[in-house]
Amino acid sequence: MDLLGRILLAALFAAGAAQKALDPAAAQGLLAGFGLPVWLVWPALALNAALAVGLIWPPTVRRAALVAAAYCAVTSVFHFLPGDGWQMSIFVKNWAIAGGLLTLAAARKV
C-alpha cells in the first residue's frame, strides 16, 4: 500500500511536470499575473519531475515528501481566489495533499 500511495502522489507531480513541458504558456501566464518572472516555469518543471522520482525511490521519500509539502503550500497561494469556487477547491486540495505528504514524511525513518 505504501508504494501505491507514493506512486499516486508522484503521478500528481509527474503530471505537473508534463503540463509545464507541453504547455508552458499556461503556467507562465499564472506567474506573470503575480508579477513573477516567467522563466520560473523551468525550475518548477524540474522540481516537479524530481519530486515525482523522489517520492518513489525509497532513499529519498522522506526528503521529497517534505519538499513536496512545502511546494504545495507555497503554490496554493496562486489559487487563493475566494470569488472562484474552482480555484478555492484547488487551494484546499493543495493543503490536503501537503498534509498527506507530511504524514508520509513522518512515517519514514530518518
C-alpha atoms as a PDB file:
ATOM      1  CA  MET A   1       0.000   0.000   0.000  1.00  0.00           C
ATOM      2  CA  ASP A   2       2.840   2.390   0.800  1.00  0.00           C
ATOM      3  CA  LEU A   3       4.314   2.078  -2.701  1.00  0.00           C
ATOM      4  CA  LEU A   4       0.925   2.501  -4.375  1.00  0.00           C
ATOM      5  CA  GLY A   5       0.249   5.630  -2.339  1.00  0.00           C
ATOM      6  CA  ARG A   6       3.649   7.044  -3.211  1.00  0.00           C
ATOM      7  CA  ILE A   7       3.116   6.285  -6.906  1.00  0.00           C
ATOM      8  CA  LEU A   8      -0.227   8.098  -6.844  1.00  0.00           C
ATOM      9  CA  LEU A   9       1.341  11.124  -5.165  1.00  0.00           C
ATOM     10  CA  ALA A  10       4.253  11.007  -7.609  1.00  0.00           C
ATOM     11  CA  ALA A  11       1.797  10.932 -10.522  1.00  0.00           C
ATOM     12  CA  LEU A  12       0.485  14.315  -9.430  1.00  0.00           C
ATOM     13  CA  PHE A  13       3.952  15.846  -9.674  1.00  0.00           C
ATOM     14  CA  ALA A  14       4.794  13.989 -12.900  1.00  0.00           C
ATOM     15  CA  ALA A  15       1.609  15.398 -14.429  1.00  0.00           C
ATOM     16  CA  GLY A  16       2.611  18.879 -13.266  1.00  0.00           C
ATOM     17  CA  ALA A  17       5.980  18.485 -14.975  1.00  0.00           C
ATOM     18  CA  ALA A  18       4.313  17.221 -18.161  1.00  0.00           C
ATOM     19  CA  GLN A  19       1.831  20.111 -18.191  1.00  0.00           C
ATOM     20  CA  LYS A  20       4.636  22.633 -17.857  1.00  0.00           C
ATOM     21  CA  ALA A  21       6.654  20.917 -20.596  1.00  0.00           C
ATOM     22  CA  LEU A  22       3.757  20.605 -23.049  1.00  0.00           C
ATOM     23  CA  ASP A  23       2.104  23.980 -22.391  1.00  0.00           C
ATOM     24  CA  PRO A  24       4.483  26.294 -20.541  1.00  0.00           C
ATOM     25  CA  ALA A  25       2.414  29.347 -21.522  1.00  0.00           C
ATOM     26  CA  ALA A  26      -0.352  28.426 -19.059  1.00  0.00           C
ATOM     27  CA  ALA A  27       1.994  28.371 -16.073  1.00  0.00           C
ATOM     28  CA  GLN A  28       3.910  31.369 -17.383  1.00  0.00           C
ATOM     29  CA  GLY A  29       0.672  33.350 -17.550  1.00  0.00           C
ATOM     30  CA  LEU A  30      -0.052  32.484 -13.929  1.00  0.00           C
ATOM     31  CA  LEU A  31       3.440  33.561 -12.898  1.00  0.00           C
ATOM     32  CA  ALA A  32       3.227  36.796 -14.884  1.00  0.00           C
ATOM     33  CA  GLY A  33      -0.139  37.546 -13.288  1.00  0.00           C
ATOM     34  CA  PHE A  34       1.590  37.565  -9.917  1.00  0.00           C
ATOM     35  CA  GLY A  35       4.459  39.711 -11.167  1.00  0.00           C
ATOM     36  CA  LEU A  36       6.917  36.810 -11.142  1.00  0.00           C
ATOM     37  CA  PRO A  37       9.399  36.074 -13.937  1.00  0.00           C
ATOM     38  CA  VAL A  38       8.005  33.609 -16.476  1.00  0.00           C
ATOM     39  CA  TRP A  39      11.290  31.690 -16.615  1.00  0.00           C
ATOM     40  CA  LEU A  40      10.401  30.234 -13.183  1.00  0.00           C
ATOM     41  CA  VAL A  41       8.301  27.695 -15.065  1.00  0.00           C
ATOM     42  CA  TRP A  42      11.501  25.764 -15.907  1.00  0.00           C
ATOM     43  CA  PRO A  43      12.790  25.294 -12.336  1.00  0.00           C
ATOM     44  CA  ALA A  44       9.213  24.419 -11.327  1.00  0.00           C
ATOM     45  CA  LEU A  45       9.111  21.778 -14.068  1.00  0.00           C
ATOM     46  CA  ALA A  46      12.441  20.342 -12.880  1.00  0.00           C
ATOM     47  CA  LEU A  47      11.280  20.335  -9.254  1.00  0.00           C
ATOM     48  CA  ASN A  48       8.014  18.591 -10.165  1.00  0.00           C
ATOM     49  CA  ALA A  49       9.924  15.908 -12.086  1.00  0.00           C
ATOM     50  CA  ALA A  50      12.453  15.444  -9.268  1.00  0.00           C
ATOM     51  CA  LEU A  51       9.672  15.162  -6.683  1.00  0.00           C
ATOM     52  CA  ALA A  52       7.898  12.530  -8.782  1.00  0.00           C
ATOM     53  CA  VAL A  53      11.043  10.397  -8.772  1.00  0.00           C
ATOM     54  CA  GLY A  54      11.894  11.232  -5.168  1.00  0.00           C
ATOM     55  CA  LEU A  55       8.512  10.080  -3.869  1.00  0.00           C
ATOM     56  CA  ILE A  56       9.021   6.654  -5.450  1.00  0.00           C
ATOM     57  CA  TRP A  57      12.737   5.981  -4.833  1.00  0.00           C
ATOM     58  CA  PRO A  58      12.926   4.708  -1.224  1.00  0.00           C
ATOM     59  CA  PRO A  59      16.066   6.529  -0.005  1.00  0.00           C
ATOM     60  CA  THR A  60      14.605   9.926  -0.950  1.00  0.00           C
ATOM     61  CA  VAL A  61      10.955   9.545   0.046  1.00  0.00           C
ATOM     62  CA  ARG A  62      11.084  11.455   3.334  1.00  0.00           C
ATOM     63  CA  ARG A  63      13.006  14.424   1.963  1.00  0.00           C
ATOM     64  CA  ALA A  64      10.913  14.521  -1.220  1.00  0.00           C
ATOM     65  CA  ALA A  65       7.692  14.400   0.818  1.00  0.00           C
ATOM     66  CA  LEU A  66       8.819  17.342   2.952  1.00  0.00           C
ATOM     67  CA  VAL A  67       9.842  19.415  -0.074  1.00  0.00           C
ATOM     68  CA  ALA A  68       6.641  18.473  -1.920  1.00  0.00           C
ATOM     69  CA  ALA A  69       4.534  19.503   1.083  1.00  0.00           C
ATOM     70  CA  ALA A  70       6.238  22.900   1.149  1.00  0.00           C
ATOM     71  CA  TYR A  71       5.795  23.242  -2.616  1.00  0.00           C
ATOM     72  CA  CYS A  72       2.056  22.511  -2.296  1.00  0.00           C
ATOM     73  CA  ALA A  73       1.713  25.070   0.482  1.00  0.00           C
ATOM     74  CA  VAL A  74       3.587  27.779  -1.428  1.00  0.00           C
ATOM     75  CA  THR A  75       1.843  27.187  -4.749  1.00  0.00           C
ATOM     76  CA  SER A  76      -1.569  27.187  -3.072  1.00  0.00           C
ATOM     77  CA  VAL A  77      -1.233  30.981  -2.937  1.00  0.00           C
ATOM     78  CA  PHE A  78      -1.792  31.087  -6.720  1.00  0.00           C
ATOM     79  CA  HIS A  79      -5.220  29.508  -6.216  1.00  0.00           C
ATOM     80  CA  PHE A  80      -6.462  31.613  -3.317  1.00  0.00           C
ATOM     81  CA  LEU A  81      -9.256  33.392  -5.167  1.00  0.00           C
ATOM     82  CA  PRO A  82     -12.251  33.453  -2.791  1.00  0.00           C
ATOM     83  CA  GLY A  83     -14.641  34.511  -5.553  1.00  0.00           C
ATOM     84  CA  ASP A  84     -13.778  31.466  -7.691  1.00  0.00           C
ATOM     85  CA  GLY A  85     -15.045  28.171  -6.295  1.00  0.00           C
ATOM     86  CA  TRP A  86     -12.919  26.101  -8.691  1.00  0.00           C
ATOM     87  CA  GLN A  87      -9.698  27.846  -7.657  1.00  0.00           C
ATOM     88  CA  MET A  88     -10.615  27.592  -3.984  1.00  0.00           C
ATOM     89  CA  SER A  89     -11.108  23.829  -4.357  1.00  0.00           C
ATOM     90  CA  ILE A  90      -7.585  23.614  -5.801  1.00  0.00           C
ATOM     91  CA  PHE A  91      -6.334  25.754  -2.905  1.00  0.00           C
ATOM     92  CA  VAL A  92      -7.877  23.346  -0.377  1.00  0.00           C
ATOM     93  CA  LYS A  93      -6.633  20.280  -2.302  1.00  0.00           C
ATOM     94  CA  ASN A  94      -3.090  21.637  -2.213  1.00  0.00           C
ATOM     95  CA  TRP A  95      -3.278  21.875   1.580  1.00  0.00           C
ATOM     96  CA  ALA A  96      -4.806  18.393   1.838  1.00  0.00           C
ATOM     97  CA  ILE A  97      -2.040  16.960  -0.340  1.00  0.00           C
ATOM     98  CA  ALA A  98       0.547  18.775   1.795  1.00  0.00           C
ATOM     99  CA  GLY A  99      -0.988  17.135   4.865  1.00  0.00           C
ATOM    100  CA  GLY A 100      -0.762  13.698   3.290  1.00  0.00           C
ATOM    101  CA  LEU A 101       2.845  14.330   2.314  1.00  0.00           C
ATOM    102  CA  LEU A 102       3.694  15.404   5.875  1.00  0.00           C
ATOM    103  CA  THR A 103       2.090  12.196   7.145  1.00  0.00           C
ATOM    104  CA  LEU A 104       4.185  10.212   4.679  1.00  0.00           C
ATOM    105  CA  ALA A 105       7.348  12.013   5.807  1.00  0.00           C
ATOM    106  CA  ALA A 106       6.543  11.373   9.460  1.00  0.00           C
ATOM    107  CA  ALA A 107       6.050   7.663   8.787  1.00  0.00           C
ATOM    108  CA  ARG A 108       9.503   7.297   7.175  1.00  0.00           C
ATOM    109  CA  LYS A 109      12.569   6.618   9.277  1.00  0.00           C
ATOM    110  CA  VAL A 110      15.184   9.350   9.372  1.00  0.00           C
END
